[in-house]
C-alpha atoms as a PDB file:
ATOM      1  CA  MET A   1     106.704 118.007  94.585  1.00  0.00           C
ATOM      2  CA  THR A   2     104.712 118.800  91.353  1.00  0.00           C
ATOM      3  CA  HIS A   3     102.256 121.571  92.224  1.00  0.00           C
ATOM      4  CA  ASP A   4      99.570 120.789  89.813  1.00  0.00           C
ATOM      5  CA  ALA A   5      95.939 122.003  90.261  1.00  0.00           C
ATOM      6  CA  GLY A   6      93.274 120.205  92.068  1.00  0.00           C
ATOM      7  CA  LEU A   7      93.107 117.738  94.865  1.00  0.00           C
ATOM      8  CA  VAL A   8      95.935 115.432  94.014  1.00  0.00           C
ATOM      9  CA  HIS A   9      99.506 116.314  93.989  1.00  0.00           C
ATOM     10  CA  THR A  10     102.281 113.958  92.639  1.00  0.00           C
ATOM     11  CA  GLU A  11     105.675 113.544  93.866  1.00  0.00           C
ATOM     12  CA  ARG A  12     108.585 111.081  92.638  1.00  0.00           C
ATOM     13  CA  ARG A  13     110.977 109.498  95.150  1.00  0.00           C
ATOM     14  CA  GLY A  14     113.215 107.137  93.182  1.00  0.00           C
ATOM     15  CA  ASP A  15     111.221 104.223  91.616  1.00  0.00           C
ATOM     16  CA  THR A  16     108.119 105.265  93.834  1.00  0.00           C
ATOM     17  CA  ILE A  17     105.324 107.635  92.826  1.00  0.00           C
ATOM     18  CA  ILE A  18     103.407 109.258  95.872  1.00  0.00           C
ATOM     19  CA  LEU A  19      99.903 110.727  95.257  1.00  0.00           C
ATOM     20  CA  TRP A  20      99.196 113.324  97.977  1.00  0.00           C
ATOM     21  CA  LEU A  21      95.660 114.075  98.830  1.00  0.00           C
ATOM     22  CA  ASP A  22      96.484 117.883  99.450  1.00  0.00           C
ATOM     23  CA  ARG A  23      93.438 119.631 100.610  1.00  0.00           C
ATOM     24  CA  PRO A  24      94.215 119.475 104.548  1.00  0.00           C
ATOM     25  CA  ASP A  25      91.831 122.334 105.424  1.00  0.00           C
ATOM     26  CA  GLU A  26      89.014 120.289 103.956  1.00  0.00           C
ATOM     27  CA  LEU A  27      90.371 116.998 105.495  1.00  0.00           C
ATOM     28  CA  ASN A  28      91.072 115.749 102.095  1.00  0.00           C
ATOM     29  CA  ARG A  29      87.503 114.999 101.050  1.00  0.00           C
ATOM     30  CA  LEU A  30      86.552 113.718  97.722  1.00  0.00           C
ATOM     31  CA  SER A  31      83.545 116.162  96.913  1.00  0.00           C
ATOM     32  CA  THR A  32      83.529 116.884  93.299  1.00  0.00           C
ATOM     33  CA  GLU A  33      83.491 114.905  90.071  1.00  0.00           C
ATOM     34  CA  ASN A  34      86.756 116.338  88.868  1.00  0.00           C
ATOM     35  CA  GLN A  35      88.491 115.208  92.072  1.00  0.00           C
ATOM     36  CA  PHE A  36      87.423 111.541  91.366  1.00  0.00           C
ATOM     37  CA  LEU A  37      88.339 111.795  87.829  1.00  0.00           C
ATOM     38  CA  GLU A  38      91.938 113.491  88.628  1.00  0.00           C
ATOM     39  CA  LEU A  39      92.671 110.665  91.162  1.00  0.00           C
ATOM     40  CA  ALA A  40      91.656 108.025  88.826  1.00  0.00           C
ATOM     41  CA  ASP A  41      93.640 109.631  86.039  1.00  0.00           C
ATOM     42  CA  LYS A  42      96.870 109.946  88.243  1.00  0.00           C
ATOM     43  CA  ILE A  43      96.788 106.291  89.424  1.00  0.00           C
ATOM     44  CA  ARG A  44      96.469 105.206  85.692  1.00  0.00           C
ATOM     45  CA  GLN A  45      99.337 107.509  84.851  1.00  0.00           C
ATOM     46  CA  ALA A  46     101.360 105.840  87.441  1.00  0.00           C
ATOM     47  CA  ASP A  47     100.317 102.391  86.277  1.00  0.00           C
ATOM     48  CA  ARG A  48     101.619 103.198  82.686  1.00  0.00           C
ATOM     49  CA  ASP A  49     104.851 104.406  83.865  1.00  0.00           C
ATOM     50  CA  PRO A  50     107.288 101.581  83.000  1.00  0.00           C
ATOM     51  CA  THR A  51     109.939 103.052  85.437  1.00  0.00           C
ATOM     52  CA  ALA A  52     107.660 103.298  88.419  1.00  0.00           C
ATOM     53  CA  ARG A  53     107.779 100.124  90.767  1.00  0.00           C
ATOM     54  CA  ALA A  54     105.269 101.312  93.392  1.00  0.00           C
ATOM     55  CA  LEU A  55     102.507 103.767  94.075  1.00  0.00           C
ATOM     56  CA  ILE A  56     101.786 105.356  97.385  1.00  0.00           C
ATOM     57  CA  ILE A  57      98.579 107.276  98.195  1.00  0.00           C
ATOM     58  CA  THR A  58      98.510 109.276 101.400  1.00  0.00           C
ATOM     59  CA  GLY A  59      96.972 112.404 102.879  1.00  0.00           C
ATOM     60  CA  LYS A  60      98.321 115.703 103.951  1.00  0.00           C
ATOM     61  CA  GLY A  61      97.441 117.079 107.472  1.00  0.00           C
ATOM     62  CA  LYS A  62      95.651 115.164 110.137  1.00  0.00           C
ATOM     63  CA  ALA A  63      93.227 113.056 107.766  1.00  0.00           C
ATOM     64  CA  PHE A  64      93.826 110.516 105.109  1.00  0.00           C
ATOM     65  CA  CYS A  65      90.523 111.318 103.573  1.00  0.00           C
ATOM     66  CA  ALA A  66      87.321 112.151 105.291  1.00  0.00           C
ATOM     67  CA  GLY A  67      84.926 111.149 102.725  1.00  0.00           C
ATOM     68  CA  GLY A  68      82.494 113.272 100.941  1.00  0.00           C
ATOM     69  CA  ASP A  69      81.014 116.772 101.569  1.00  0.00           C
ATOM     70  CA  LEU A  70      78.083 116.779 104.097  1.00  0.00           C
ATOM     71  CA  ARG A  71      76.850 120.259 103.074  1.00  0.00           C
ATOM     72  CA  LYS A  72      76.603 119.135  99.550  1.00  0.00           C
ATOM     73  CA  MET A  73      74.710 116.144 100.509  1.00  0.00           C
ATOM     74  CA  ALA A  74      72.287 118.012 102.959  1.00  0.00           C
ATOM     75  CA  ASN A  75      71.603 120.541 100.062  1.00  0.00           C
ATOM     76  CA  ARG A  76      71.098 117.745  97.167  1.00  0.00           C
ATOM     77  CA  GLU A  77      74.036 119.298  95.361  1.00  0.00           C
ATOM     78  CA  GLY A  78      76.974 117.533  93.558  1.00  0.00           C
ATOM     79  CA  PHE A  79      76.672 113.690  93.616  1.00  0.00           C
ATOM     80  CA  SER A  80      73.300 113.876  95.250  1.00  0.00           C
ATOM     81  CA  ALA A  81      71.682 116.258  92.678  1.00  0.00           C
ATOM     82  CA  GLY A  82      69.037 115.251  90.200  1.00  0.00           C
ATOM     83  CA  THR A  83      66.902 112.285  89.800  1.00  0.00           C
ATOM     84  CA  PRO A  84      68.055 108.614  90.746  1.00  0.00           C
ATOM     85  CA  GLN A  85      69.040 108.105  87.240  1.00  0.00           C
ATOM     86  CA  ASP A  86      71.170 111.062  87.362  1.00  0.00           C
ATOM     87  CA  ILE A  87      72.965 109.930  90.474  1.00  0.00           C
ATOM     88  CA  ARG A  88      73.483 106.319  89.218  1.00  0.00           C
ATOM     89  CA  THR A  89      75.150 107.714  85.848  1.00  0.00           C
ATOM     90  CA  ARG A  90      77.287 110.217  87.849  1.00  0.00           C
ATOM     91  CA  TYR A  91      78.550 107.529  90.082  1.00  0.00           C
ATOM     92  CA  LYS A  92      79.389 105.090  87.147  1.00  0.00           C
ATOM     93  CA  GLU A  93      81.032 107.841  85.346  1.00  0.00           C
ATOM     94  CA  THR A  94      83.243 109.526  88.106  1.00  0.00           C
ATOM     95  CA  ILE A  95      83.216 107.939  91.474  1.00  0.00           C
ATOM     96  CA  HIS A  96      83.519 104.395  90.174  1.00  0.00           C
ATOM     97  CA  GLN A  97      86.531 105.286  88.133  1.00  0.00           C
ATOM     98  CA  VAL A  98      88.847 105.323  91.041  1.00  0.00           C
ATOM     99  CA  PRO A  99      87.993 101.666  92.341  1.00  0.00           C
ATOM    100  CA  LEU A 100      88.249 100.572  88.719  1.00  0.00           C
ATOM    101  CA  ALA A 101      91.672 102.314  88.139  1.00  0.00           C
ATOM    102  CA  LEU A 102      92.988 100.632  91.440  1.00  0.00           C
ATOM    103  CA  ASN A 103      91.634  97.148  90.619  1.00  0.00           C
ATOM    104  CA  ASP A 104      93.001  97.261  86.851  1.00  0.00           C
ATOM    105  CA  ALA A 105      96.520  98.688  88.028  1.00  0.00           C
ATOM    106  CA  ASP A 106      99.276  96.382  87.841  1.00  0.00           C
ATOM    107  CA  ILE A 107     101.827  98.580  89.741  1.00  0.00           C
ATOM    108  CA  PRO A 108     101.471  97.653  93.621  1.00  0.00           C
ATOM    109  CA  THR A 109      99.746 100.375  95.498  1.00  0.00           C
ATOM    110  CA  ILE A 110     100.267 101.295  99.075  1.00  0.00           C
ATOM    111  CA  ALA A 111      97.837 103.200 101.180  1.00  0.00           C
ATOM    112  CA  ALA A 112      99.645 105.143 104.026  1.00  0.00           C
ATOM    113  CA  VAL A 113      96.955 106.156 106.227  1.00  0.00           C
ATOM    114  CA  ASN A 114      97.982 109.219 108.228  1.00  0.00           C
ATOM    115  CA  GLY A 115      94.815 109.919 110.022  1.00  0.00           C
ATOM    116  CA  ALA A 116      91.143 109.737 109.753  1.00  0.00           C
ATOM    117  CA  ALA A 117      89.677 107.430 106.819  1.00  0.00           C
ATOM    118  CA  TYR A 118      85.883 107.768 106.849  1.00  0.00           C
ATOM    119  CA  GLY A 119      83.399 106.692 104.122  1.00  0.00           C
ATOM    120  CA  ALA A 120      84.943 107.002 100.668  1.00  0.00           C
ATOM    121  CA  GLY A 121      88.346 107.494 102.232  1.00  0.00           C
ATOM    122  CA  CYS A 122      88.045 104.287 104.048  1.00  0.00           C
ATOM    123  CA  ASP A 123      87.032 102.632 100.767  1.00  0.00           C
ATOM    124  CA  LEU A 124      89.953 104.352  98.864  1.00  0.00           C
ATOM    125  CA  ALA A 125      92.301 102.702 101.508  1.00  0.00           C
ATOM    126  CA  CYS A 126      90.758  99.534 101.163  1.00  0.00           C
ATOM    127  CA  MET A 127      91.191  99.522  97.474  1.00  0.00           C
ATOM    128  CA  CYS A 128      94.920  99.809  97.518  1.00  0.00           C
ATOM    129  CA  ASP A 129      96.794  96.481  97.625  1.00  0.00           C
ATOM    130  CA  ILE A 130      98.675  97.171 100.952  1.00  0.00           C
ATOM    131  CA  ARG A 131      97.916  99.494 103.916  1.00  0.00           C
ATOM    132  CA  ILE A 132     100.054 100.750 106.610  1.00  0.00           C
ATOM    133  CA  ALA A 133      98.775 103.205 109.045  1.00  0.00           C
ATOM    134  CA  SER A 134     100.169 105.619 111.689  1.00  0.00           C
ATOM    135  CA  ALA A 135      99.087 105.180 115.323  1.00  0.00           C
ATOM    136  CA  ASN A 136      96.557 107.809 115.274  1.00  0.00           C
ATOM    137  CA  ALA A 137      94.710 106.502 112.185  1.00  0.00           C
ATOM    138  CA  THR A 138      90.986 105.712 112.467  1.00  0.00           C
ATOM    139  CA  PHE A 139      88.833 103.820 109.988  1.00  0.00           C
ATOM    140  CA  CYS A 140      85.196 104.203 109.558  1.00  0.00           C
ATOM    141  CA  VAL A 141      82.493 102.819 107.189  1.00  0.00           C
ATOM    142  CA  SER A 142      80.356 105.860 107.998  1.00  0.00           C
ATOM    143  CA  PHE A 143      77.685 105.546 105.336  1.00  0.00           C
ATOM    144  CA  ALA A 144      74.811 104.211 107.326  1.00  0.00           C
ATOM    145  CA  GLU A 145      75.248 107.302 109.735  1.00  0.00           C
ATOM    146  CA  LEU A 146      74.487 109.487 106.766  1.00  0.00           C
ATOM    147  CA  GLY A 147      71.451 107.218 105.431  1.00  0.00           C
ATOM    148  CA  ILE A 148      73.472 106.196 102.577  1.00  0.00           C
ATOM    149  CA  ILE A 149      75.457 102.755 101.452  1.00  0.00           C
ATOM    150  CA  SER A 150      78.884 102.394 100.082  1.00  0.00           C
ATOM    151  CA  GLY A 151      78.426 103.354  96.527  1.00  0.00           C
ATOM    152  CA  ASP A 152      82.201 103.123  95.389  1.00  0.00           C
ATOM    153  CA  GLY A 153      82.982  99.417  95.712  1.00  0.00           C
ATOM    154  CA  GLY A 154      83.909  99.311  99.472  1.00  0.00           C
ATOM    155  CA  SER A 155      81.369  96.788 100.222  1.00  0.00           C
ATOM    156  CA  TRP A 156      83.015  94.546  97.484  1.00  0.00           C
ATOM    157  CA  ILE A 157      86.433  94.684  98.947  1.00  0.00           C
ATOM    158  CA  LEU A 158      85.846  95.046 102.564  1.00  0.00           C
ATOM    159  CA  PRO A 159      84.794  91.551 103.316  1.00  0.00           C
ATOM    160  CA  ARG A 160      87.893  90.183 101.223  1.00  0.00           C
ATOM    161  CA  LEU A 161      90.135  92.028 103.748  1.00  0.00           C
ATOM    162  CA  VAL A 162      88.658  91.512 107.150  1.00  0.00           C
ATOM    163  CA  GLY A 163      86.105  88.868 106.697  1.00  0.00           C
ATOM    164  CA  ARG A 164      82.196  88.808 106.274  1.00  0.00           C
ATOM    165  CA  SER A 165      81.232  89.250 109.876  1.00  0.00           C
ATOM    166  CA  THR A 166      83.805  91.896 110.661  1.00  0.00           C
ATOM    167  CA  ALA A 167      82.987  93.812 107.524  1.00  0.00           C
ATOM    168  CA  MET A 168      79.246  93.700 108.420  1.00  0.00           C
ATOM    169  CA  ALA A 169      79.811  95.085 111.907  1.00  0.00           C
ATOM    170  CA  MET A 170      81.689  97.780 110.531  1.00  0.00           C
ATOM    171  CA  THR A 171      79.008  98.610 108.052  1.00  0.00           C
ATOM    172  CA  PHE A 172      76.016  98.183 110.054  1.00  0.00           C
ATOM    173  CA  THR A 173      77.282 100.212 113.189  1.00  0.00           C
ATOM    174  CA  ALA A 174      79.151 102.889 111.377  1.00  0.00           C
ATOM    175  CA  SER A 175      81.493 103.040 114.256  1.00  0.00           C
ATOM    176  CA  PRO A 176      85.112 104.002 113.914  1.00  0.00           C
ATOM    177  CA  ILE A 177      88.032 101.532 114.722  1.00  0.00           C
ATOM    178  CA  GLY A 178      91.427 102.625 115.869  1.00  0.00           C
ATOM    179  CA  ALA A 179      94.748 101.669 114.232  1.00  0.00           C
ATOM    180  CA  ASP A 180      95.310  98.827 116.783  1.00  0.00           C
ATOM    181  CA  GLU A 181      91.950  97.385 116.019  1.00  0.00           C
ATOM    182  CA  ALA A 182      92.555  97.694 112.254  1.00  0.00           C
ATOM    183  CA  LEU A 183      95.787  95.788 112.674  1.00  0.00           C
ATOM    184  CA  ARG A 184      94.135  92.895 114.707  1.00  0.00           C
ATOM    185  CA  CYS A 185      91.402  92.390 112.179  1.00  0.00           C
ATOM    186  CA  GLY A 186      93.730  92.409 109.105  1.00  0.00           C
ATOM    187  CA  LEU A 187      92.728  95.822 107.603  1.00  0.00           C
ATOM    188  CA  VAL A 188      96.066  96.980 107.772  1.00  0.00           C
ATOM    189  CA  SER A 189      99.447  95.040 107.784  1.00  0.00           C
ATOM    190  CA  GLN A 190     101.707  97.650 109.746  1.00  0.00           C
ATOM    191  CA  LEU A 191     101.458 100.354 112.261  1.00  0.00           C
ATOM    192  CA  THR A 192     104.187 103.066 112.654  1.00  0.00           C
ATOM    193  CA  SER A 193     104.519 106.300 114.483  1.00  0.00           C
ATOM    194  CA  PRO A 194     103.048 109.274 112.679  1.00  0.00           C
ATOM    195  CA  GLU A 195     106.321 110.519 111.963  1.00  0.00           C
ATOM    196  CA  GLN A 196     107.894 107.517 110.461  1.00  0.00           C
ATOM    197  CA  LEU A 197     104.656 106.689 108.215  1.00  0.00           C
ATOM    198  CA  LEU A 198     106.083 107.898 104.934  1.00  0.00           C
ATOM    199  CA  ASN A 199     109.527 106.588 105.574  1.00  0.00           C
ATOM    200  CA  SER A 200     107.860 103.121 106.310  1.00  0.00           C
ATOM    201  CA  ALA A 201     105.593 103.427 103.172  1.00  0.00           C
ATOM    202  CA  LEU A 202     108.797 104.205 101.065  1.00  0.00           C
ATOM    203  CA  ALA A 203     110.809 101.391 102.650  1.00  0.00           C
ATOM    204  CA  LEU A 204     108.085  99.121 101.853  1.00  0.00           C
ATOM    205  CA  ALA A 205     108.085 100.600  98.201  1.00  0.00           C
ATOM    206  CA  GLU A 206     111.750 100.294  98.080  1.00  0.00           C
ATOM    207  CA  ARG A 207     111.717  96.436  99.038  1.00  0.00           C
ATOM    208  CA  ILE A 208     109.029  95.687  96.420  1.00  0.00           C
ATOM    209  CA  GLY A 209     110.985  97.694  93.869  1.00  0.00           C
ATOM    210  CA  SER A 210     114.037  95.569  94.674  1.00  0.00           C
ATOM    211  CA  HIS A 211     112.448  92.895  92.547  1.00  0.00           C
ATOM    212  CA  PRO A 212     112.028  92.708  88.759  1.00  0.00           C
ATOM    213  CA  GLY A 213     109.300  94.928  87.926  1.00  0.00           C
ATOM    214  CA  ASN A 214     107.510  92.823  85.494  1.00  0.00           C
ATOM    215  CA  THR A 215     107.584  89.926  87.858  1.00  0.00           C
ATOM    216  CA  ILE A 216     105.833  91.797  90.639  1.00  0.00           C
ATOM    217  CA  ARG A 217     103.103  93.194  87.966  1.00  0.00           C
ATOM    218  CA  MET A 218     102.560  89.577  86.786  1.00  0.00           C
ATOM    219  CA  ALA A 219     102.345  88.253  90.378  1.00  0.00           C
ATOM    220  CA  LYS A 220      99.876  90.950  91.186  1.00  0.00           C
ATOM    221  CA  ARG A 221      97.834  90.030  88.198  1.00  0.00           C
ATOM    222  CA  LEU A 222      97.814  86.277  89.237  1.00  0.00           C
ATOM    223  CA  LEU A 223      96.841  87.099  92.823  1.00  0.00           C
ATOM    224  CA  ARG A 224      93.871  89.466  91.491  1.00  0.00           C
ATOM    225  CA  SER A 225      92.547  87.072  89.034  1.00  0.00           C
ATOM    226  CA  ALA A 226      92.618  84.197  91.820  1.00  0.00           C
ATOM    227  CA  GLU A 227      89.803  86.034  93.554  1.00  0.00           C
ATOM    228  CA  ARG A 228      87.310  85.293  90.767  1.00  0.00           C
ATOM    229  CA  SER A 229      88.726  82.187  88.847  1.00  0.00           C
ATOM    230  CA  SER A 230      88.561  78.450  89.244  1.00  0.00           C
ATOM    231  CA  LEU A 231      91.716  76.523  90.318  1.00  0.00           C
ATOM    232  CA  PRO A 232      92.089  75.103  86.722  1.00  0.00           C
ATOM    233  CA  ASP A 233      91.770  78.484  84.958  1.00  0.00           C
ATOM    234  CA  HIS A 234      94.136  79.885  87.759  1.00  0.00           C
ATOM    235  CA  LEU A 235      96.605  77.108  87.014  1.00  0.00           C
ATOM    236  CA  ASP A 236      96.524  77.902  83.227  1.00  0.00           C
ATOM    237  CA  MET A 237      97.169  81.644  83.811  1.00  0.00           C
ATOM    238  CA  ALA A 238      99.929  80.740  86.098  1.00  0.00           C
ATOM    239  CA  ALA A 239     101.580  78.581  83.667  1.00  0.00           C
ATOM    240  CA  ALA A 240     101.260  81.226  80.871  1.00  0.00           C
ATOM    241  CA  LEU A 241     102.719  84.008  82.973  1.00  0.00           C
ATOM    242  CA  GLN A 242     105.617  81.734  84.212  1.00  0.00           C
ATOM    243  CA  ALA A 243     106.432  80.786  80.727  1.00  0.00           C
ATOM    244  CA  ILE A 244     107.078  84.560  80.183  1.00  0.00           C
ATOM    245  CA  ALA A 245     108.947  85.006  83.469  1.00  0.00           C
ATOM    246  CA  HIS A 246     111.246  81.981  82.735  1.00  0.00           C
ATOM    247  CA  THR A 247     112.158  83.366  79.433  1.00  0.00           C
ATOM    248  CA  SER A 248     112.766  86.845  80.532  1.00  0.00           C
ATOM    249  CA  PRO A 249     116.296  88.561  80.969  1.00  0.00           C
ATOM    250  CA  GLU A 250     115.156  89.755  84.510  1.00  0.00           C
ATOM    251  CA  HIS A 251     114.874  86.035  85.436  1.00  0.00           C
ATOM    252  CA  ILE A 252     118.263  85.124  84.408  1.00  0.00           C
ATOM    253  CA  THR A 253     119.953  88.198  86.008  1.00  0.00           C
ATOM    254  CA  ALA A 254     117.949  87.449  89.416  1.00  0.00           C
ATOM    255  CA  VAL A 255     119.101  83.804  89.541  1.00  0.00           C
ATOM    256  CA  ASN A 256     122.477  84.696  88.684  1.00  0.00           C
ATOM    257  CA  GLY A 257     122.838  87.467  91.345  1.00  0.00           C
ATOM    258  CA  LEU A 258     121.271  84.928  93.896  1.00  0.00           C
ATOM    259  CA  LEU A 259     123.933  82.352  93.012  1.00  0.00           C
ATOM    260  CA  GLN A 260     126.628  84.863  93.257  1.00  0.00           C
ATOM    261  CA  ARG A 261     125.352  86.029  96.663  1.00  0.00           C
ATOM    262  CA  LEU A 262     125.133  82.377  98.036  1.00  0.00           C
ATOM    263  CA  GLN A 263     128.618  81.586  96.528  1.00  0.00           C
ATOM    264  CA  ASN A 264     130.120  84.756  98.514  1.00  0.00           C
ATOM    265  CA  LYS A 265     128.394  83.439 101.607  1.00  0.00           C
ATOM    266  CA  SER A 266     130.114  79.953 101.278  1.00  0.00           C
ATOM    267  CA  PRO A 267     132.766  79.188 103.832  1.00  0.00           C
END
């Protein structure tokens, strides 16, 4: 593991990059401008790495990420300091860099939710492409309990994951949900034991990485654009990307490999 300064530590496992939120004594809270900028920068670094096939974000200790620093909020420090214009500018320049980095990333992203994902931590998990969770994970859109709203894009992504009604219920009540309920409502796609969470995330990343990297990145780009484009525009983009895929060496290698495997299975 690379022990760089700050909240986020980077680890490489084969073709997979792991970003560890590594302040377990503080429940991996995102509480400073530098922490958000650090996380956004490391997401972008992973996305720029042509040898990386997947990115996992997880937390050390008993929490994935417990949101922000309540003491700083109470004292009007940090993100809460200054005038409304100061706060707005600070959000746009720091906090918003994380959801933008995740939304722009072509590398597949996996949130391995090991424990509490509250507030900004819940939103961080939601911004990843795929979420798997340990059986003791909890999710909470906790902002209303603090008299604030989701200012980091969580209200944009959550309805897309669980539907409008469930998203509103989670937001209005600020009530935590457990791992089983998160699986039922589609917030996560897989549950594991706490001991097997990282191995399960790595196995998923390895499965993704077994396919041509450029193909997966183009597929992600196409899926992402589908959320905000018309069918004709989507088909136009699909044709353009498919033309690239059909003429790539990876496509020929993949097809020949499949033909060989099918031939080997023939009686």
